[in-house]
PDB file of all heavy atoms in Angstrom:
ATOM      1  N   TRP A   1       0.855  -1.191  -0.004  1.00  0.00           N
ATOM      2  CA  TRP A   1       0.002   0.005  -0.002  1.00  0.00           C
ATOM      3  C   TRP A   1       0.893   1.239   0.006  1.00  0.00           C
ATOM      4  O   TRP A   1       1.642   1.470   0.938  1.00  0.00           O
ATOM      5  CB  TRP A   1      -0.922  -0.023   1.209  1.00  0.00           C
ATOM      6  CG  TRP A   1      -1.837   1.171   1.292  1.00  0.00           C
ATOM      7  CD1 TRP A   1      -1.829   2.149   2.246  1.00  0.00           C
ATOM      8  CD2 TRP A   1      -2.883   1.529   0.379  1.00  0.00           C
ATOM      9  NE1 TRP A   1      -2.811   3.066   1.998  1.00  0.00           N
ATOM     10  CE2 TRP A   1      -3.479   2.713   0.853  1.00  0.00           C
ATOM     11  CE3 TRP A   1      -3.405   0.951  -0.776  1.00  0.00           C
ATOM     12  CZ2 TRP A   1      -4.555   3.331   0.207  1.00  0.00           C
ATOM     13  CZ3 TRP A   1      -4.478   1.568  -1.439  1.00  0.00           C
ATOM     14  CH2 TRP A   1      -5.028   2.746  -0.945  1.00  0.00           C
ATOM     15  N   PRO A   2       0.818   2.065  -1.036  1.00  0.00           N
ATOM     16  CA  PRO A   2       1.810   3.141  -1.191  1.00  0.00           C
ATOM     17  C   PRO A   2       1.454   4.482  -0.556  1.00  0.00           C
ATOM     18  O   PRO A   2       2.176   5.466  -0.726  1.00  0.00           O
ATOM     19  CB  PRO A   2       1.872   3.302  -2.724  1.00  0.00           C
ATOM     20  CG  PRO A   2       0.469   2.981  -3.177  1.00  0.00           C
ATOM     21  CD  PRO A   2      -0.049   1.937  -2.236  1.00  0.00           C
ATOM     22  N   PHE A   3       0.349   4.521   0.195  1.00  0.00           N
ATOM     23  CA  PHE A   3      -0.070   5.794   0.799  1.00  0.00           C
ATOM     24  C   PHE A   3       0.053   5.750   2.328  1.00  0.00           C
ATOM     25  O   PHE A   3      -0.289   4.759   2.946  1.00  0.00           O
ATOM     26  CB  PHE A   3      -1.525   6.128   0.413  1.00  0.00           C
ATOM     27  CG  PHE A   3      -1.739   6.281  -1.065  1.00  0.00           C
ATOM     28  CD1 PHE A   3      -2.321   5.249  -1.792  1.00  0.00           C
ATOM     29  CD2 PHE A   3      -1.342   7.437  -1.708  1.00  0.00           C
ATOM     30  CE1 PHE A   3      -2.505   5.369  -3.152  1.00  0.00           C
ATOM     31  CE2 PHE A   3      -1.521   7.561  -3.078  1.00  0.00           C
ATOM     32  CZ  PHE A   3      -2.124   6.541  -3.815  1.00  0.00           C
ATOM     33  N   ALA A   4       0.563   6.808   2.879  1.00  0.00           N
ATOM     34  CA  ALA A   4       0.687   6.956   4.341  1.00  0.00           C
ATOM     35  C   ALA A   4      -0.490   7.769   4.855  1.00  0.00           C
ATOM     36  O   ALA A   4      -0.530   8.989   4.677  1.00  0.00           O
ATOM     37  CB  ALA A   4       2.021   7.624   4.685  1.00  0.00           C
ATOM     38  N   LEU A   5      -1.429   7.098   5.474  1.00  0.00           N
ATOM     39  CA  LEU A   5      -2.651   7.783   5.907  1.00  0.00           C
ATOM     40  C   LEU A   5      -2.675   8.081   7.403  1.00  0.00           C
ATOM     41  O   LEU A   5      -3.301   9.049   7.844  1.00  0.00           O
ATOM     42  CB  LEU A   5      -3.889   6.945   5.515  1.00  0.00           C
ATOM     43  CG  LEU A   5      -4.052   6.667   4.015  1.00  0.00           C
ATOM     44  CD1 LEU A   5      -5.305   5.849   3.768  1.00  0.00           C
ATOM     45  CD2 LEU A   5      -4.074   7.963   3.235  1.00  0.00           C
ATOM     46  N   SER A   6      -1.998   7.277   8.178  1.00  0.00           N
ATOM     47  CA  SER A   6      -1.987   7.514   9.622  1.00  0.00           C
ATOM     48  C   SER A   6      -0.960   8.582   9.968  1.00  0.00           C
ATOM     49  O   SER A   6      -0.012   8.838   9.218  1.00  0.00           O
ATOM     50  CB  SER A   6      -1.663   6.220  10.384  1.00  0.00           C
ATOM     51  OG  SER A   6      -0.292   5.856  10.154  1.00  0.00           O
ATOM     52  N   ARG A   7      -1.139   9.229  11.113  1.00  0.00           N
ATOM     53  CA  ARG A   7      -0.217  10.264  11.567  1.00  0.00           C
ATOM     54  C   ARG A   7       1.197   9.685  11.768  1.00  0.00           C
ATOM     55  O   ARG A   7       2.194  10.339  11.387  1.00  0.00           O
ATOM     56  CB  ARG A   7      -0.712  10.885  12.876  1.00  0.00           C
ATOM     57  CG  ARG A   7       0.249  11.948  13.423  1.00  0.00           C
ATOM     58  CD  ARG A   7      -0.299  12.538  14.728  1.00  0.00           C
ATOM     59  NE  ARG A   7      -1.548  13.240  14.502  1.00  0.00           N
ATOM     60  CZ  ARG A   7      -2.262  13.815  15.481  1.00  0.00           C
ATOM     61  NH1 ARG A   7      -1.831  13.736  16.750  1.00  0.00           N
ATOM     62  NH2 ARG A   7      -3.392  14.445  15.220  1.00  0.00           N
ATOM     63  N   ARG A   8       1.294   8.481  12.315  1.00  0.00           N
ATOM     64  CA  ARG A   8       2.600   7.894  12.555  1.00  0.00           C
ATOM     65  C   ARG A   8       3.356   7.675  11.247  1.00  0.00           C
ATOM     66  O   ARG A   8       4.548   7.935  11.121  1.00  0.00           O
ATOM     67  CB  ARG A   8       2.451   6.569  13.274  1.00  0.00           C
ATOM     68  CG  ARG A   8       3.774   5.865  13.616  1.00  0.00           C
ATOM     69  CD  ARG A   8       3.543   4.593  14.406  1.00  0.00           C
ATOM     70  NE  ARG A   8       2.754   3.642  13.653  1.00  0.00           N
ATOM     71  CZ  ARG A   8       3.267   2.824  12.742  1.00  0.00           C
ATOM     72  NH1 ARG A   8       4.564   2.829  12.483  1.00  0.00           N
ATOM     73  NH2 ARG A   8       2.486   1.968  12.099  1.00  0.00           N
ATOM     74  N   GLU A   9       2.630   7.181  10.228  1.00  0.00           N
ATOM     75  CA  GLU A   9       3.261   6.943   8.926  1.00  0.00           C
ATOM     76  C   GLU A   9       3.715   8.246   8.281  1.00  0.00           C
ATOM     77  O   GLU A   9       4.758   8.338   7.668  1.00  0.00           O
ATOM     78  CB  GLU A   9       2.287   6.179   8.005  1.00  0.00           C
ATOM     79  CG  GLU A   9       2.049   4.735   8.385  1.00  0.00           C
ATOM     80  CD  GLU A   9       1.049   4.062   7.494  1.00  0.00           C
ATOM     81  OE1 GLU A   9       0.097   4.731   7.030  1.00  0.00           O
ATOM     82  OE2 GLU A   9       1.204   2.864   7.251  1.00  0.00           O
ATOM     83  N   ARG A  10       2.871   9.303   8.405  1.00  0.00           N
ATOM     84  CA  ARG A  10       3.214  10.583   7.800  1.00  0.00           C
ATOM     85  C   ARG A  10       4.427  11.207   8.489  1.00  0.00           C
ATOM     86  O   ARG A  10       5.275  11.836   7.853  1.00  0.00           O
ATOM     87  CB  ARG A  10       2.016  11.535   7.849  1.00  0.00           C
ATOM     88  CG  ARG A  10       0.867  11.092   6.939  1.00  0.00           C
ATOM     89  CD  ARG A  10      -0.069  12.260   6.642  1.00  0.00           C
ATOM     90  NE  ARG A  10      -0.598  12.871   7.851  1.00  0.00           N
ATOM     91  CZ  ARG A  10      -1.685  12.423   8.482  1.00  0.00           C
ATOM     92  NH1 ARG A  10      -2.338  11.358   8.037  1.00  0.00           N
ATOM     93  NH2 ARG A  10      -2.132  13.068   9.576  1.00  0.00           N
ATOM     94  N   GLU A  11       4.515  11.014   9.792  1.00  0.00           N
ATOM     95  CA  GLU A  11       5.691  11.506  10.537  1.00  0.00           C
ATOM     96  C   GLU A  11       6.974  10.803  10.083  1.00  0.00           C
ATOM     97  O   GLU A  11       8.028  11.416   9.998  1.00  0.00           O
ATOM     98  CB  GLU A  11       5.465  11.312  12.034  1.00  0.00           C
ATOM     99  CG  GLU A  11       4.439  12.286  12.632  1.00  0.00           C
ATOM    100  CD  GLU A  11       4.161  11.990  14.098  1.00  0.00           C
ATOM    101  OE1 GLU A  11       4.651  10.942  14.586  1.00  0.00           O
ATOM    102  OE2 GLU A  11       3.461  12.780  14.738  1.00  0.00           O
ATOM    103  N   GLN A  12       6.851   9.511   9.782  1.00  0.00           N
ATOM    104  CA  GLN A  12       8.006   8.775   9.294  1.00  0.00           C
ATOM    105  C   GLN A  12       8.454   9.290   7.901  1.00  0.00           C
ATOM    106  O   GLN A  12       9.627   9.184   7.534  1.00  0.00           O
ATOM    107  CB  GLN A  12       7.670   7.282   9.201  1.00  0.00           C
ATOM    108  CG  GLN A  12       7.529   6.604  10.570  1.00  0.00           C
ATOM    109  CD  GLN A  12       7.052   5.171  10.461  1.00  0.00           C
ATOM    110  OE1 GLN A  12       6.582   4.739   9.415  1.00  0.00           O
ATOM    111  NE2 GLN A  12       7.181   4.425  11.543  1.00  0.00           N
ATOM    112  N   ASN A  13       7.491   9.846   7.153  1.00  0.00           N
ATOM    113  CA  ASN A  13       7.784  10.360   5.815  1.00  0.00           C
ATOM    114  C   ASN A  13       8.181  11.836   5.812  1.00  0.00           C
ATOM    115  O   ASN A  13       8.323  12.451   4.778  1.00  0.00           O
ATOM    116  CB  ASN A  13       6.584  10.164   4.893  1.00  0.00           C
ATOM    117  CG  ASN A  13       6.399   8.723   4.484  1.00  0.00           C
ATOM    118  OD1 ASN A  13       7.317   7.909   4.613  1.00  0.00           O
ATOM    119  ND2 ASN A  13       5.207   8.379   4.015  1.00  0.00           N
ATOM    120  N   GLY A  14       8.271  12.440   6.964  1.00  0.00           N
ATOM    121  CA  GLY A  14       8.647  13.833   7.045  1.00  0.00           C
ATOM    122  C   GLY A  14       7.664  14.669   7.827  1.00  0.00           C
ATOM    123  O   GLY A  14       7.984  15.733   8.306  1.00  0.00           O
ATOM    124  N   GLY A  15       6.413  14.171   7.883  1.00  0.00           N
ATOM    125  CA  GLY A  15       5.442  14.805   8.767  1.00  0.00           C
ATOM    126  C   GLY A  15       4.631  15.936   8.184  1.00  0.00           C
ATOM    127  O   GLY A  15       3.548  16.216   8.633  1.00  0.00           O
ATOM    128  N   THR A  16       5.152  16.659   7.210  1.00  0.00           N
ATOM    129  CA  THR A  16       4.427  17.811   6.673  1.00  0.00           C
ATOM    130  C   THR A  16       4.426  17.768   5.165  1.00  0.00           C
ATOM    131  O   THR A  16       5.295  17.184   4.537  1.00  0.00           O
ATOM    132  CB  THR A  16       5.065  19.133   7.129  1.00  0.00           C
ATOM    133  OG1 THR A  16       6.434  19.165   6.685  1.00  0.00           O
ATOM    134  CG2 THR A  16       5.009  19.244   8.642  1.00  0.00           C
ATOM    135  N   GLY A  17       3.455  18.462   4.574  1.00  0.00           N
ATOM    136  CA  GLY A  17       3.397  18.547   3.120  1.00  0.00           C
ATOM    137  C   GLY A  17       2.757  17.363   2.478  1.00  0.00           C
ATOM    138  O   GLY A  17       2.565  16.305   3.081  1.00  0.00           O
ATOM    139  N   ILE A  18       2.394  17.536   1.210  1.00  0.00           N
ATOM    140  CA  ILE A  18       1.720  16.489   0.465  1.00  0.00           C
ATOM    141  C   ILE A  18       2.573  15.227   0.307  1.00  0.00           C
ATOM    142  O   ILE A  18       2.105  14.088   0.234  1.00  0.00           O
ATOM    143  CB  ILE A  18       1.278  17.002  -0.928  1.00  0.00           C
ATOM    144  CG1 ILE A  18       0.343  16.025  -1.631  1.00  0.00           C
ATOM    145  CG2 ILE A  18       2.505  17.300  -1.799  1.00  0.00           C
ATOM    146  CD1 ILE A  18      -0.998  15.879  -0.962  1.00  0.00           C
ATOM    147  N   SER A  19       3.917  15.401   0.264  1.00  0.00           N
ATOM    148  CA  SER A  19       4.824  14.278   0.051  1.00  0.00           C
ATOM    149  C   SER A  19       4.791  13.292   1.215  1.00  0.00           C
ATOM    150  O   SER A  19       5.130  12.116   1.055  1.00  0.00           O
ATOM    151  CB  SER A  19       6.268  14.769  -0.137  1.00  0.00           C
ATOM    152  OG  SER A  19       6.734  15.456   0.980  1.00  0.00           O
ATOM    153  N   SER A  20       4.348  13.740   2.403  1.00  0.00           N
ATOM    154  CA  SER A  20       4.320  12.839   3.553  1.00  0.00           C
ATOM    155  C   SER A  20       3.252  11.770   3.414  1.00  0.00           C
ATOM    156  O   SER A  20       3.247  10.786   4.177  1.00  0.00           O
ATOM    157  CB  SER A  20       4.090  13.645   4.845  1.00  0.00           C
ATOM    158  OG  SER A  20       2.780  14.210   4.839  1.00  0.00           O
ATOM    159  N   TYR A  21       2.313  11.971   2.467  1.00  0.00           N
ATOM    160  CA  TYR A  21       1.253  10.978   2.258  1.00  0.00           C
ATOM    161  C   TYR A  21       1.689   9.833   1.328  1.00  0.00           C
ATOM    162  O   TYR A  21       0.915   8.908   1.097  1.00  0.00           O
ATOM    163  CB  TYR A  21       0.014  11.651   1.674  1.00  0.00           C
ATOM    164  CG  TYR A  21      -0.736  12.490   2.671  1.00  0.00           C
ATOM    165  CD1 TYR A  21      -0.400  13.819   2.894  1.00  0.00           C
ATOM    166  CD2 TYR A  21      -1.779  11.952   3.429  1.00  0.00           C
ATOM    167  CE1 TYR A  21      -1.088  14.619   3.825  1.00  0.00           C
ATOM    168  CE2 TYR A  21      -2.458  12.716   4.352  1.00  0.00           C
ATOM    169  CZ  TYR A  21      -2.106  14.051   4.545  1.00  0.00           C
ATOM    170  OH  TYR A  21      -2.800  14.801   5.466  1.00  0.00           O
ATOM    171  N   PHE A  22       2.878   9.913   0.805  1.00  0.00           N
ATOM    172  CA  PHE A  22       3.335   8.912  -0.141  1.00  0.00           C
ATOM    173  C   PHE A  22       4.561   8.141   0.414  1.00  0.00           C
ATOM    174  O   PHE A  22       5.498   8.753   0.905  1.00  0.00           O
ATOM    175  CB  PHE A  22       3.718   9.541  -1.470  1.00  0.00           C
ATOM    176  CG  PHE A  22       2.588  10.238  -2.138  1.00  0.00           C
ATOM    177  CD1 PHE A  22       2.370  11.622  -1.951  1.00  0.00           C
ATOM    178  CD2 PHE A  22       1.704   9.570  -2.954  1.00  0.00           C
ATOM    179  CE1 PHE A  22       1.323  12.274  -2.543  1.00  0.00           C
ATOM    180  CE2 PHE A  22       0.644  10.207  -3.534  1.00  0.00           C
ATOM    181  CZ  PHE A  22       0.443  11.560  -3.365  1.00  0.00           C
ATOM    182  N   LYS A  23       4.467   6.818   0.341  1.00  0.00           N
ATOM    183  CA  LYS A  23       5.593   5.972   0.760  1.00  0.00           C
ATOM    184  C   LYS A  23       6.516   5.776  -0.425  1.00  0.00           C
ATOM    185  O   LYS A  23       6.223   4.965  -1.331  1.00  0.00           O
ATOM    186  CB  LYS A  23       5.069   4.639   1.285  1.00  0.00           C
ATOM    187  CG  LYS A  23       4.135   4.738   2.464  1.00  0.00           C
ATOM    188  CD  LYS A  23       3.626   3.365   2.880  1.00  0.00           C
ATOM    189  CE  LYS A  23       2.637   3.450   4.048  1.00  0.00           C
ATOM    190  NZ  LYS A  23       2.077   2.142   4.390  1.00  0.00           N
ATOM    191  N   LYS A  24       7.598   6.530  -0.433  1.00  0.00           N
ATOM    192  CA  LYS A  24       8.471   6.585  -1.599  1.00  0.00           C
ATOM    193  C   LYS A  24       9.000   5.200  -2.002  1.00  0.00           C
ATOM    194  O   LYS A  24       9.018   4.846  -3.183  1.00  0.00           O
ATOM    195  CB  LYS A  24       9.646   7.524  -1.331  1.00  0.00           C
ATOM    196  CG  LYS A  24      10.588   7.690  -2.519  1.00  0.00           C
ATOM    197  CD  LYS A  24      11.718   8.657  -2.184  1.00  0.00           C
ATOM    198  CE  LYS A  24      12.703   8.773  -3.347  1.00  0.00           C
ATOM    199  NZ  LYS A  24      13.825   9.706  -3.040  1.00  0.00           N
ATOM    200  N   ASP A  25       9.448   4.406  -1.022  1.00  0.00           N
ATOM    201  CA  ASP A  25      10.044   3.100  -1.358  1.00  0.00           C
ATOM    202  C   ASP A  25       9.024   2.173  -2.012  1.00  0.00           C
ATOM    203  O   ASP A  25       9.354   1.408  -2.919  1.00  0.00           O
ATOM    204  CB  ASP A  25      10.644   2.457  -0.106  1.00  0.00           C
ATOM    205  CG  ASP A  25       9.634   2.327   1.027  1.00  0.00           C
ATOM    206  OD1 ASP A  25       8.647   3.076   1.029  1.00  0.00           O
ATOM    207  OD2 ASP A  25       9.854   1.491   1.917  1.00  0.00           O
ATOM    208  N   ILE A  26       7.753   2.267  -1.576  1.00  0.00           N
ATOM    209  CA  ILE A  26       6.719   1.395  -2.150  1.00  0.00           C
ATOM    210  C   ILE A  26       6.366   1.895  -3.555  1.00  0.00           C
ATOM    211  O   ILE A  26       6.097   1.087  -4.465  1.00  0.00           O
ATOM    212  CB  ILE A  26       5.488   1.336  -1.236  1.00  0.00           C
ATOM    213  CG1 ILE A  26       5.890   0.677   0.105  1.00  0.00           C
ATOM    214  CG2 ILE A  26       4.370   0.527  -1.898  1.00  0.00           C
ATOM    215  CD1 ILE A  26       4.773   0.535   1.090  1.00  0.00           C
ATOM    216  N   TRP A  27       6.319   3.203  -3.754  1.00  0.00           N
ATOM    217  CA  TRP A  27       6.052   3.713  -5.099  1.00  0.00           C
ATOM    218  C   TRP A  27       7.146   3.266  -6.087  1.00  0.00           C
ATOM    219  O   TRP A  27       6.862   2.868  -7.210  1.00  0.00           O
ATOM    220  CB  TRP A  27       5.985   5.246  -5.075  1.00  0.00           C
ATOM    221  CG  TRP A  27       4.642   5.747  -4.665  1.00  0.00           C
ATOM    222  CD1 TRP A  27       4.278   6.266  -3.461  1.00  0.00           C
ATOM    223  CD2 TRP A  27       3.458   5.785  -5.460  1.00  0.00           C
ATOM    224  NE1 TRP A  27       2.954   6.625  -3.451  1.00  0.00           N
ATOM    225  CE2 TRP A  27       2.401   6.326  -4.690  1.00  0.00           C
ATOM    226  CE3 TRP A  27       3.158   5.378  -6.776  1.00  0.00           C
ATOM    227  CZ2 TRP A  27       1.136   6.491  -5.148  1.00  0.00           C
ATOM    228  CZ3 TRP A  27       1.858   5.547  -7.239  1.00  0.00           C
ATOM    229  CH2 TRP A  27       0.856   6.092  -6.436  1.00  0.00           C
ATOM    230  N   ILE A  28       8.387   3.291  -5.636  1.00  0.00           N
ATOM    231  CA  ILE A  28       9.504   2.850  -6.478  1.00  0.00           C
ATOM    232  C   ILE A  28       9.334   1.366  -6.809  1.00  0.00           C
ATOM    233  O   ILE A  28       9.533   0.928  -7.960  1.00  0.00           O
ATOM    234  CB  ILE A  28      10.848   3.110  -5.787  1.00  0.00           C
ATOM    235  CG1 ILE A  28      11.107   4.614  -5.708  1.00  0.00           C
ATOM    236  CG2 ILE A  28      11.986   2.413  -6.537  1.00  0.00           C
ATOM    237  CD1 ILE A  28      12.318   4.977  -4.904  1.00  0.00           C
ATOM    238  N   LEU A  29       8.928   0.571  -5.800  1.00  0.00           N
ATOM    239  CA  LEU A  29       8.685  -0.862  -6.044  1.00  0.00           C
ATOM    240  C   LEU A  29       7.622  -1.074  -7.091  1.00  0.00           C
ATOM    241  O   LEU A  29       7.759  -1.903  -7.999  1.00  0.00           O
ATOM    242  CB  LEU A  29       8.277  -1.542  -4.728  1.00  0.00           C
ATOM    243  CG  LEU A  29       7.846  -3.007  -4.834  1.00  0.00           C
ATOM    244  CD1 LEU A  29       8.997  -3.876  -5.338  1.00  0.00           C
ATOM    245  CD2 LEU A  29       7.322  -3.520  -3.477  1.00  0.00           C
ATOM    246  N   TRP A  30       6.527  -0.288  -7.019  1.00  0.00           N
ATOM    247  CA  TRP A  30       5.450  -0.450  -8.001  1.00  0.00           C
ATOM    248  C   TRP A  30       5.892  -0.039  -9.409  1.00  0.00           C
ATOM    249  O   TRP A  30       5.492  -0.647 -10.408  1.00  0.00           O
ATOM    250  CB  TRP A  30       4.221   0.348  -7.570  1.00  0.00           C
ATOM    251  CG  TRP A  30       3.365  -0.412  -6.618  1.00  0.00           C
ATOM    252  CD1 TRP A  30       3.162  -0.139  -5.312  1.00  0.00           C
ATOM    253  CD2 TRP A  30       2.628  -1.580  -6.904  1.00  0.00           C
ATOM    254  NE1 TRP A  30       2.332  -1.079  -4.758  1.00  0.00           N
ATOM    255  CE2 TRP A  30       1.993  -1.977  -5.711  1.00  0.00           C
ATOM    256  CE3 TRP A  30       2.440  -2.373  -8.042  1.00  0.00           C
ATOM    257  CZ2 TRP A  30       1.170  -3.120  -5.625  1.00  0.00           C
ATOM    258  CZ3 TRP A  30       1.624  -3.499  -7.980  1.00  0.00           C
ATOM    259  CH2 TRP A  30       1.001  -3.857  -6.793  1.00  0.00           C
ATOM    260  N   PHE A  31       6.728   0.975  -9.502  1.00  0.00           N
ATOM    261  CA  PHE A  31       7.267   1.356 -10.830  1.00  0.00           C
ATOM    262  C   PHE A  31       8.102   0.209 -11.419  1.00  0.00           C
ATOM    263  O   PHE A  31       8.018  -0.082 -12.613  1.00  0.00           O
ATOM    264  CB  PHE A  31       8.096   2.628 -10.737  1.00  0.00           C
ATOM    265  CG  PHE A  31       7.276   3.876 -10.575  1.00  0.00           C
ATOM    266  CD1 PHE A  31       7.600   4.812  -9.600  1.00  0.00           C
ATOM    267  CD2 PHE A  31       6.161   4.108 -11.373  1.00  0.00           C
ATOM    268  CE1 PHE A  31       6.854   5.967  -9.411  1.00  0.00           C
ATOM    269  CE2 PHE A  31       5.387   5.256 -11.196  1.00  0.00           C
ATOM    270  CZ  PHE A  31       5.739   6.214 -10.230  1.00  0.00           C
ATOM    271  N   LYS A  32       8.862  -0.446 -10.577  1.00  0.00           N
ATOM    272  CA  LYS A  32       9.652  -1.581 -11.033  1.00  0.00           C
ATOM    273  C   LYS A  32       8.743  -2.747 -11.467  1.00  0.00           C
ATOM    274  O   LYS A  32       9.011  -3.427 -12.464  1.00  0.00           O
ATOM    275  CB  LYS A  32      10.616  -2.043  -9.942  1.00  0.00           C
ATOM    276  CG  LYS A  32      11.709  -1.034  -9.648  1.00  0.00           C
ATOM    277  CD  LYS A  32      12.548  -1.445  -8.437  1.00  0.00           C
ATOM    278  CE  LYS A  32      13.612  -0.386  -8.104  1.00  0.00           C
ATOM    279  NZ  LYS A  32      14.369  -0.735  -6.884  1.00  0.00           N
ATOM    280  N   ILE A  33       7.672  -2.981 -10.694  1.00  0.00           N
ATOM    281  CA  ILE A  33       6.734  -4.036 -11.033  1.00  0.00           C
ATOM    282  C   ILE A  33       6.073  -3.760 -12.392  1.00  0.00           C
ATOM    283  O   ILE A  33       5.910  -4.643 -13.232  1.00  0.00           O
ATOM    284  CB  ILE A  33       5.667  -4.166  -9.930  1.00  0.00           C
ATOM    285  CG1 ILE A  33       6.300  -4.814  -8.681  1.00  0.00           C
ATOM    286  CG2 ILE A  33       4.469  -5.004 -10.411  1.00  0.00           C
ATOM    287  CD1 ILE A  33       5.377  -4.824  -7.469  1.00  0.00           C
ATOM    288  N   LEU A  34       5.729  -2.496 -12.640  1.00  0.00           N
ATOM    289  CA  LEU A  34       5.129  -2.127 -13.927  1.00  0.00           C
ATOM    290  C   LEU A  34       6.117  -2.344 -15.076  1.00  0.00           C
ATOM    291  O   LEU A  34       5.719  -2.757 -16.163  1.00  0.00           O
ATOM    292  CB  LEU A  34       4.671  -0.664 -13.882  1.00  0.00           C
ATOM    293  CG  LEU A  34       3.466  -0.374 -12.962  1.00  0.00           C
ATOM    294  CD1 LEU A  34       3.131   1.121 -12.970  1.00  0.00           C
ATOM    295  CD2 LEU A  34       2.243  -1.172 -13.422  1.00  0.00           C
ATOM    296  N   VAL A  35       7.399  -2.099 -14.812  1.00  0.00           N
ATOM    297  CA  VAL A  35       8.417  -2.373 -15.850  1.00  0.00           C
ATOM    298  C   VAL A  35       8.450  -3.861 -16.139  1.00  0.00           C
ATOM    299  O   VAL A  35       8.539  -4.290 -17.293  1.00  0.00           O
ATOM    300  CB  VAL A  35       9.810  -1.903 -15.363  1.00  0.00           C
ATOM    301  CG1 VAL A  35      10.915  -2.439 -16.252  1.00  0.00           C
ATOM    302  CG2 VAL A  35       9.868  -0.377 -15.345  1.00  0.00           C
ATOM    303  N   SER A  36       8.340  -4.688 -15.081  1.00  0.00           N
ATOM    304  CA  SER A  36       8.309  -6.152 -15.286  1.00  0.00           C
ATOM    305  C   SER A  36       7.092  -6.614 -16.075  1.00  0.00           C
ATOM    306  O   SER A  36       7.122  -7.654 -16.745  1.00  0.00           O
ATOM    307  CB  SER A  36       8.312  -6.870 -13.939  1.00  0.00           C
ATOM    308  OG  SER A  36       9.529  -6.673 -13.224  1.00  0.00           O
ATOM    309  N   CYS A  37       6.008  -5.835 -16.001  1.00  0.00           N
ATOM    310  CA  CYS A  37       4.768  -6.214 -16.688  1.00  0.00           C
ATOM    311  C   CYS A  37       4.819  -5.946 -18.194  1.00  0.00           C
ATOM    312  O   CYS A  37       4.038  -6.545 -18.949  1.00  0.00           O
ATOM    313  CB  CYS A  37       3.571  -5.434 -16.091  1.00  0.00           C
ATOM    314  SG  CYS A  37       3.156  -5.910 -14.416  1.00  0.00           S
ATOM    315  N   VAL A  38       5.695  -5.040 -18.622  1.00  0.00           N
ATOM    316  CA  VAL A  38       5.657  -4.564 -20.007  1.00  0.00           C
ATOM    317  C   VAL A  38       5.786  -5.689 -21.030  1.00  0.00           C
ATOM    318  O   VAL A  38       4.958  -5.788 -21.964  1.00  0.00           O
ATOM    319  CB  VAL A  38       6.732  -3.487 -20.240  1.00  0.00           C
ATOM    320  CG1 VAL A  38       6.877  -3.190 -21.737  1.00  0.00           C
ATOM    321  CG2 VAL A  38       6.389  -2.214 -19.473  1.00  0.00           C
ATOM    322  N   PRO A  39       6.778  -6.577 -20.929  1.00  0.00           N
ATOM    323  CA  PRO A  39       6.926  -7.597 -21.984  1.00  0.00           C
ATOM    324  C   PRO A  39       5.687  -8.483 -22.142  1.00  0.00           C
ATOM    325  O   PRO A  39       5.187  -8.673 -23.266  1.00  0.00           O
ATOM    326  CB  PRO A  39       8.142  -8.442 -21.507  1.00  0.00           C
ATOM    327  CG  PRO A  39       8.929  -7.486 -20.655  1.00  0.00           C
ATOM    328  CD  PRO A  39       7.901  -6.670 -19.949  1.00  0.00           C
ATOM    329  N   ALA A  40       5.178  -9.028 -21.030  1.00  0.00           N
ATOM    330  CA  ALA A  40       4.013  -9.907 -21.101  1.00  0.00           C
ATOM    331  C   ALA A  40       2.771  -9.165 -21.517  1.00  0.00           C
ATOM    332  O   ALA A  40       1.916  -9.712 -22.230  1.00  0.00           O
ATOM    333  CB  ALA A  40       3.808 -10.595 -19.751  1.00  0.00           C
ATOM    334  N   ALA A  41       2.616  -7.914 -21.065  1.00  0.00           N
ATOM    335  CA  ALA A  41       1.421  -7.119 -21.414  1.00  0.00           C
ATOM    336  C   ALA A  41       1.352  -6.859 -22.893  1.00  0.00           C
ATOM    337  O   ALA A  41       0.309  -7.044 -23.532  1.00  0.00           O
ATOM    338  CB  ALA A  41       1.422  -5.815 -20.625  1.00  0.00           C
TER     339      ALA A  41
END
């Protein structure tokens, strides 16, 4: 799940601003997964 919705998760991501709602490492993982999907898709 790539979104930080709880206060604790947002604090771990920096705590302020729109970027705190996104889990950067998980977004990067999903981009890699989409790259893996390209050949078969």
